[in-house]
Amino acid sequence: QVQLVESGGGLVQAGGSLTLSCAPSGSFISINTVGWHRQAPGKQRELVATITNDDFRDYADSVKGRFTISRDTAKNTVYLHMNSLKPEDTAVYYCNADVVRISGRTNNYWGQGTQVTVSS
């Protein structure tokens, strides 16, 4: 059984920084493309950043220049470094990843979400 485990959320003042982590638990071979999404109350879930195996990174316009996605291949962990946080960044942040299982199949998984709250 594979699960994505997120951590690093919390409460921070505007202008502050947080780093979120996402790593699979269970038996797997590797992780491929990983995306961070967020959902604010009353709003649709939106894609914030993605990173591929080739280290290609893409960002939503709203976070460009402030957020950085990175991966530690040895630890099979993907990070979202968030700087210059704004109150409008407040949301539940979800990790989504394509995980190559022991069977050789690739399945898509979602994490449970981690709350980020930015106070003004």
N, C-alpha and C. Protein backbone atom coordinates (compact mmCIF):
# COMPACT_ATOMS: atom_id res chain seq x y z
N GLN A 1 0.84 -1.18 0.00
CA GLN A 1 0.00 0.00 0.00
C GLN A 1 0.89 1.24 0.00
N VAL A 2 0.66 2.12 -0.95
CA VAL A 2 1.44 3.35 -1.04
C VAL A 2 0.59 4.52 -0.60
N GLN A 3 1.18 5.39 0.20
CA GLN A 3 0.52 6.63 0.60
C GLN A 3 1.50 7.78 0.42
N LEU A 4 0.95 8.94 0.12
CA LEU A 4 1.78 10.14 0.08
C LEU A 4 1.64 10.85 1.41
N VAL A 5 2.77 11.17 2.01
CA VAL A 5 2.77 11.81 3.32
C VAL A 5 3.30 13.23 3.17
N GLU A 6 2.48 14.19 3.56
CA GLU A 6 2.87 15.59 3.49
C GLU A 6 3.16 16.10 4.90
N SER A 7 4.03 17.10 4.97
CA SER A 7 4.31 17.74 6.24
C SER A 7 4.82 19.15 5.98
N GLY A 8 4.84 19.95 7.03
CA GLY A 8 5.43 21.27 6.93
C GLY A 8 4.46 22.44 6.96
N GLY A 9 3.17 22.16 6.95
CA GLY A 9 2.21 23.25 7.00
C GLY A 9 2.21 23.92 8.36
N GLY A 10 1.49 25.04 8.43
CA GLY A 10 1.41 25.74 9.70
C GLY A 10 0.90 27.15 9.53
N LEU A 11 1.07 27.92 10.59
CA LEU A 11 0.65 29.32 10.62
C LEU A 11 1.88 30.21 10.52
N VAL A 12 1.82 31.18 9.61
CA VAL A 12 2.95 32.08 9.42
C VAL A 12 2.42 33.47 9.11
N GLN A 13 3.19 34.46 9.45
CA GLN A 13 2.79 35.84 9.15
C GLN A 13 3.09 36.16 7.68
N ALA A 14 2.37 37.10 7.16
CA ALA A 14 2.61 37.55 5.79
C ALA A 14 4.07 37.96 5.64
N GLY A 15 4.65 37.55 4.52
CA GLY A 15 6.06 37.82 4.27
C GLY A 15 6.98 36.71 4.75
N GLY A 16 6.43 35.78 5.49
CA GLY A 16 7.22 34.67 6.02
C GLY A 16 7.39 33.55 5.03
N SER A 17 8.00 32.48 5.52
CA SER A 17 8.33 31.34 4.67
C SER A 17 7.92 30.02 5.33
N LEU A 18 7.61 29.06 4.49
CA LEU A 18 7.35 27.69 4.92
C LEU A 18 7.87 26.75 3.85
N THR A 19 8.25 25.55 4.28
CA THR A 19 8.62 24.51 3.33
C THR A 19 7.78 23.27 3.57
N LEU A 20 7.09 22.84 2.53
CA LEU A 20 6.29 21.62 2.60
C LEU A 20 7.08 20.45 2.03
N SER A 21 6.83 19.27 2.58
CA SER A 21 7.48 18.05 2.10
C SER A 21 6.44 17.03 1.69
N CYS A 22 6.80 16.23 0.71
CA CYS A 22 5.91 15.16 0.24
C CYS A 22 6.76 13.94 -0.06
N ALA A 23 6.42 12.83 0.55
CA ALA A 23 7.18 11.60 0.31
C ALA A 23 6.23 10.41 0.37
N PRO A 24 6.43 9.42 -0.49
CA PRO A 24 5.60 8.22 -0.42
C PRO A 24 6.04 7.32 0.73
N SER A 25 5.08 6.62 1.30
CA SER A 25 5.40 5.57 2.27
C SER A 25 4.91 4.26 1.70
N GLY A 26 5.49 3.16 2.15
CA GLY A 26 5.11 1.86 1.63
C GLY A 26 6.13 1.37 0.63
N SER A 27 5.74 0.36 -0.13
CA SER A 27 6.64 -0.26 -1.09
C SER A 27 6.45 0.34 -2.47
N PHE A 28 7.53 0.88 -3.03
CA PHE A 28 7.47 1.47 -4.35
C PHE A 28 8.87 1.50 -4.92
N ILE A 29 8.97 1.80 -6.21
CA ILE A 29 10.27 1.86 -6.85
C ILE A 29 10.76 3.31 -6.96
N SER A 30 9.91 4.17 -7.45
CA SER A 30 10.31 5.56 -7.63
C SER A 30 9.06 6.43 -7.81
N ILE A 31 9.28 7.73 -7.78
CA ILE A 31 8.19 8.67 -8.06
C ILE A 31 8.55 9.46 -9.30
N ASN A 32 7.57 9.73 -10.11
CA ASN A 32 7.78 10.48 -11.34
C ASN A 32 7.33 11.92 -11.17
N THR A 33 6.43 12.38 -12.02
CA THR A 33 5.98 13.76 -11.91
C THR A 33 5.22 13.98 -10.61
N VAL A 34 5.56 15.08 -9.95
CA VAL A 34 4.90 15.44 -8.70
C VAL A 34 4.34 16.86 -8.82
N GLY A 35 3.16 17.04 -8.32
CA GLY A 35 2.55 18.35 -8.33
C GLY A 35 2.06 18.74 -6.95
N TRP A 36 2.17 20.02 -6.66
CA TRP A 36 1.56 20.58 -5.45
C TRP A 36 0.32 21.35 -5.88
N HIS A 37 -0.78 21.09 -5.23
CA HIS A 37 -2.04 21.77 -5.47
C HIS A 37 -2.49 22.42 -4.18
N ARG A 38 -3.42 23.36 -4.29
CA ARG A 38 -3.98 23.95 -3.08
C ARG A 38 -5.47 24.23 -3.29
N GLN A 39 -6.16 24.24 -2.17
CA GLN A 39 -7.59 24.55 -2.21
C GLN A 39 -7.93 25.43 -1.03
N ALA A 40 -8.38 26.63 -1.36
CA ALA A 40 -8.82 27.57 -0.35
C ALA A 40 -10.31 27.37 -0.12
N PRO A 41 -10.82 27.78 1.04
CA PRO A 41 -12.25 27.60 1.33
C PRO A 41 -13.12 28.26 0.27
N GLY A 42 -14.07 27.50 -0.24
CA GLY A 42 -14.99 28.03 -1.22
C GLY A 42 -14.43 28.16 -2.62
N LYS A 43 -13.22 27.68 -2.83
CA LYS A 43 -12.59 27.78 -4.15
C LYS A 43 -12.23 26.40 -4.68
N GLN A 44 -12.02 26.35 -5.99
CA GLN A 44 -11.61 25.09 -6.60
C GLN A 44 -10.14 24.81 -6.32
N ARG A 45 -9.80 23.53 -6.35
CA ARG A 45 -8.41 23.16 -6.19
C ARG A 45 -7.62 23.65 -7.40
N GLU A 46 -6.46 24.22 -7.16
CA GLU A 46 -5.64 24.73 -8.25
C GLU A 46 -4.23 24.16 -8.17
N LEU A 47 -3.64 24.01 -9.35
CA LEU A 47 -2.27 23.51 -9.44
C LEU A 47 -1.31 24.66 -9.14
N VAL A 48 -0.37 24.42 -8.24
CA VAL A 48 0.57 25.45 -7.83
C VAL A 48 1.92 25.27 -8.51
N ALA A 49 2.43 24.04 -8.51
CA ALA A 49 3.76 23.79 -9.08
C ALA A 49 3.90 22.31 -9.41
N THR A 50 4.70 22.03 -10.44
CA THR A 50 4.99 20.65 -10.79
C THR A 50 6.48 20.48 -11.06
N ILE A 51 6.95 19.25 -10.88
CA ILE A 51 8.34 18.92 -11.19
C ILE A 51 8.35 17.53 -11.81
N THR A 52 9.10 17.38 -12.89
CA THR A 52 9.18 16.09 -13.57
C THR A 52 10.47 15.37 -13.19
N ASN A 53 10.60 14.15 -13.72
CA ASN A 53 11.83 13.39 -13.50
C ASN A 53 13.04 14.11 -14.08
N ASP A 54 12.80 14.85 -15.16
CA ASP A 54 13.89 15.58 -15.82
C ASP A 54 14.17 16.91 -15.15
N ASP A 55 13.51 17.12 -13.99
CA ASP A 55 13.69 18.35 -13.23
C ASP A 55 13.09 19.56 -13.93
N PHE A 56 12.15 19.32 -14.86
CA PHE A 56 11.44 20.46 -15.45
C PHE A 56 10.42 20.93 -14.43
N ARG A 57 10.38 22.24 -14.21
CA ARG A 57 9.52 22.81 -13.19
C ARG A 57 8.57 23.82 -13.82
N ASP A 58 7.38 23.84 -13.33
CA ASP A 58 6.40 24.79 -13.82
C ASP A 58 5.62 25.32 -12.63
N TYR A 59 5.18 26.60 -12.75
CA TYR A 59 4.52 27.25 -11.63
C TYR A 59 3.28 28.00 -12.10
N ALA A 60 2.32 28.11 -11.20
CA ALA A 60 1.19 28.99 -11.44
C ALA A 60 1.71 30.42 -11.41
N ASP A 61 1.08 31.28 -12.21
CA ASP A 61 1.52 32.67 -12.26
C ASP A 61 1.48 33.33 -10.88
N SER A 62 0.53 32.93 -10.07
CA SER A 62 0.33 33.57 -8.76
C SER A 62 1.48 33.29 -7.79
N VAL A 63 2.31 32.28 -8.07
CA VAL A 63 3.39 31.95 -7.13
C VAL A 63 4.77 32.08 -7.75
N LYS A 64 4.85 32.39 -9.03
CA LYS A 64 6.15 32.53 -9.69
C LYS A 64 7.01 33.57 -8.99
N GLY A 65 8.27 33.20 -8.76
CA GLY A 65 9.18 34.11 -8.09
C GLY A 65 9.13 34.03 -6.58
N ARG A 66 8.11 33.36 -6.05
CA ARG A 66 7.99 33.23 -4.59
C ARG A 66 8.12 31.78 -4.12
N PHE A 67 7.60 30.86 -4.91
CA PHE A 67 7.63 29.44 -4.55
C PHE A 67 8.66 28.71 -5.41
N THR A 68 9.30 27.71 -4.83
CA THR A 68 10.23 26.86 -5.56
C THR A 68 9.94 25.41 -5.24
N ILE A 69 9.78 24.60 -6.29
CA ILE A 69 9.59 23.16 -6.10
C ILE A 69 10.93 22.48 -6.37
N SER A 70 11.25 21.50 -5.54
CA SER A 70 12.51 20.78 -5.72
C SER A 70 12.31 19.33 -5.29
N ARG A 71 13.29 18.49 -5.67
CA ARG A 71 13.19 17.10 -5.27
C ARG A 71 14.54 16.57 -4.83
N ASP A 72 14.49 15.68 -3.85
CA ASP A 72 15.67 14.95 -3.40
C ASP A 72 15.45 13.51 -3.84
N THR A 73 16.07 13.13 -4.95
CA THR A 73 15.83 11.82 -5.53
C THR A 73 16.24 10.70 -4.57
N ALA A 74 17.32 10.89 -3.85
CA ALA A 74 17.80 9.85 -2.93
C ALA A 74 16.78 9.59 -1.82
N LYS A 75 16.07 10.62 -1.42
CA LYS A 75 15.08 10.48 -0.35
C LYS A 75 13.67 10.31 -0.90
N ASN A 76 13.53 10.35 -2.23
CA ASN A 76 12.20 10.27 -2.84
C ASN A 76 11.24 11.29 -2.23
N THR A 77 11.77 12.48 -2.03
CA THR A 77 10.99 13.54 -1.39
C THR A 77 10.95 14.76 -2.29
N VAL A 78 9.80 15.38 -2.35
CA VAL A 78 9.62 16.62 -3.10
C VAL A 78 9.24 17.73 -2.12
N TYR A 79 9.83 18.88 -2.33
CA TYR A 79 9.61 20.01 -1.43
C TYR A 79 8.94 21.17 -2.17
N LEU A 80 8.21 21.96 -1.42
CA LEU A 80 7.68 23.22 -1.93
C LEU A 80 8.14 24.30 -0.97
N HIS A 81 9.12 25.08 -1.43
CA HIS A 81 9.64 26.17 -0.62
C HIS A 81 8.82 27.41 -0.93
N MET A 82 8.18 27.94 0.08
CA MET A 82 7.28 29.08 -0.11
C MET A 82 7.83 30.30 0.62
N ASN A 83 8.13 31.33 -0.14
CA ASN A 83 8.65 32.57 0.43
C ASN A 83 7.68 33.71 0.16
N SER A 84 7.87 34.80 0.87
CA SER A 84 7.04 36.00 0.69
C SER A 84 5.56 35.63 0.69
N LEU A 85 5.18 34.85 1.67
CA LEU A 85 3.80 34.36 1.71
C LEU A 85 2.80 35.50 1.91
N LYS A 86 1.65 35.34 1.29
CA LYS A 86 0.58 36.33 1.34
C LYS A 86 -0.66 35.67 1.96
N PRO A 87 -1.54 36.45 2.54
CA PRO A 87 -2.78 35.88 3.08
C PRO A 87 -3.55 35.06 2.04
N GLU A 88 -3.48 35.46 0.79
CA GLU A 88 -4.20 34.72 -0.26
C GLU A 88 -3.57 33.37 -0.57
N ASP A 89 -2.42 33.07 0.01
CA ASP A 89 -1.82 31.74 -0.12
C ASP A 89 -2.42 30.75 0.87
N THR A 90 -3.25 31.25 1.77
CA THR A 90 -3.89 30.38 2.75
C THR A 90 -4.76 29.34 2.06
N ALA A 91 -4.49 28.08 2.37
CA ALA A 91 -5.20 26.98 1.72
C ALA A 91 -4.73 25.66 2.32
N VAL A 92 -5.44 24.61 1.96
CA VAL A 92 -4.92 23.27 2.21
C VAL A 92 -4.09 22.88 0.99
N TYR A 93 -2.86 22.48 1.22
CA TYR A 93 -1.95 22.12 0.15
C TYR A 93 -1.87 20.60 0.03
N TYR A 94 -2.02 20.13 -1.20
CA TYR A 94 -2.03 18.70 -1.47
C TYR A 94 -0.89 18.33 -2.42
N CYS A 95 -0.29 17.21 -2.14
CA CYS A 95 0.72 16.65 -3.02
C CYS A 95 0.06 15.59 -3.89
N ASN A 96 0.46 15.56 -5.16
CA ASN A 96 -0.04 14.56 -6.10
C ASN A 96 1.16 13.99 -6.84
N ALA A 97 1.22 12.66 -6.93
CA ALA A 97 2.41 12.08 -7.55
C ALA A 97 2.09 10.80 -8.31
N ASP A 98 2.84 10.59 -9.37
CA ASP A 98 2.82 9.31 -10.09
C ASP A 98 3.90 8.44 -9.46
N VAL A 99 3.47 7.34 -8.87
CA VAL A 99 4.39 6.47 -8.14
C VAL A 99 4.51 5.13 -8.87
N VAL A 100 5.74 4.73 -9.11
CA VAL A 100 5.99 3.43 -9.74
C VAL A 100 6.02 2.38 -8.64
N ARG A 101 5.06 1.47 -8.68
CA ARG A 101 4.95 0.46 -7.64
C ARG A 101 5.87 -0.72 -7.90
N ILE A 102 6.00 -1.57 -6.92
CA ILE A 102 6.86 -2.76 -7.02
C ILE A 102 6.42 -3.62 -8.21
N SER A 103 5.14 -3.63 -8.49
CA SER A 103 4.61 -4.41 -9.60
C SER A 103 5.05 -3.88 -10.96
N GLY A 104 5.57 -2.64 -10.97
CA GLY A 104 5.95 -2.01 -12.22
C GLY A 104 4.90 -1.07 -12.75
N ARG A 105 3.72 -1.14 -12.19
CA ARG A 105 2.66 -0.23 -12.59
C ARG A 105 2.87 1.14 -11.97
N THR A 106 2.43 2.15 -12.70
CA THR A 106 2.47 3.52 -12.19
C THR A 106 1.06 3.94 -11.83
N ASN A 107 0.87 4.36 -10.61
CA ASN A 107 -0.43 4.84 -10.15
C ASN A 107 -0.31 6.27 -9.63
N ASN A 108 -1.40 6.97 -9.70
CA ASN A 108 -1.44 8.36 -9.23
C ASN A 108 -2.02 8.42 -7.82
N TYR A 109 -1.37 9.17 -6.97
CA TYR A 109 -1.80 9.26 -5.58
C TYR A 109 -1.91 10.72 -5.13
N TRP A 110 -2.79 10.91 -4.17
CA TRP A 110 -2.95 12.21 -3.51
C TRP A 110 -2.58 12.07 -2.05
N GLY A 111 -1.95 13.11 -1.50
CA GLY A 111 -1.72 13.16 -0.08
C GLY A 111 -2.97 13.61 0.65
N GLN A 112 -2.88 13.62 1.96
CA GLN A 112 -4.05 13.95 2.79
C GLN A 112 -4.24 15.44 2.93
N GLY A 113 -3.25 16.21 2.55
CA GLY A 113 -3.35 17.67 2.65
C GLY A 113 -2.72 18.22 3.91
N THR A 114 -2.15 19.40 3.80
CA THR A 114 -1.58 20.08 4.96
C THR A 114 -1.99 21.54 4.92
N GLN A 115 -2.44 22.04 6.05
CA GLN A 115 -2.98 23.40 6.12
C GLN A 115 -1.86 24.43 6.19
N VAL A 116 -1.97 25.44 5.34
CA VAL A 116 -1.09 26.60 5.40
C VAL A 116 -1.97 27.82 5.64
N THR A 117 -1.68 28.55 6.71
CA THR A 117 -2.44 29.74 7.04
C THR A 117 -1.47 30.92 7.15
N VAL A 118 -1.76 31.96 6.38
CA VAL A 118 -0.92 33.15 6.38
C VAL A 118 -1.72 34.29 6.97
N SER A 119 -1.25 34.83 8.06
CA SER A 119 -1.96 35.93 8.72
C SER A 119 -1.43 37.27 8.22
N SER A 120 -2.32 38.23 8.19
CA SER A 120 -1.93 39.56 7.69
C SER A 120 -1.41 40.44 8.81
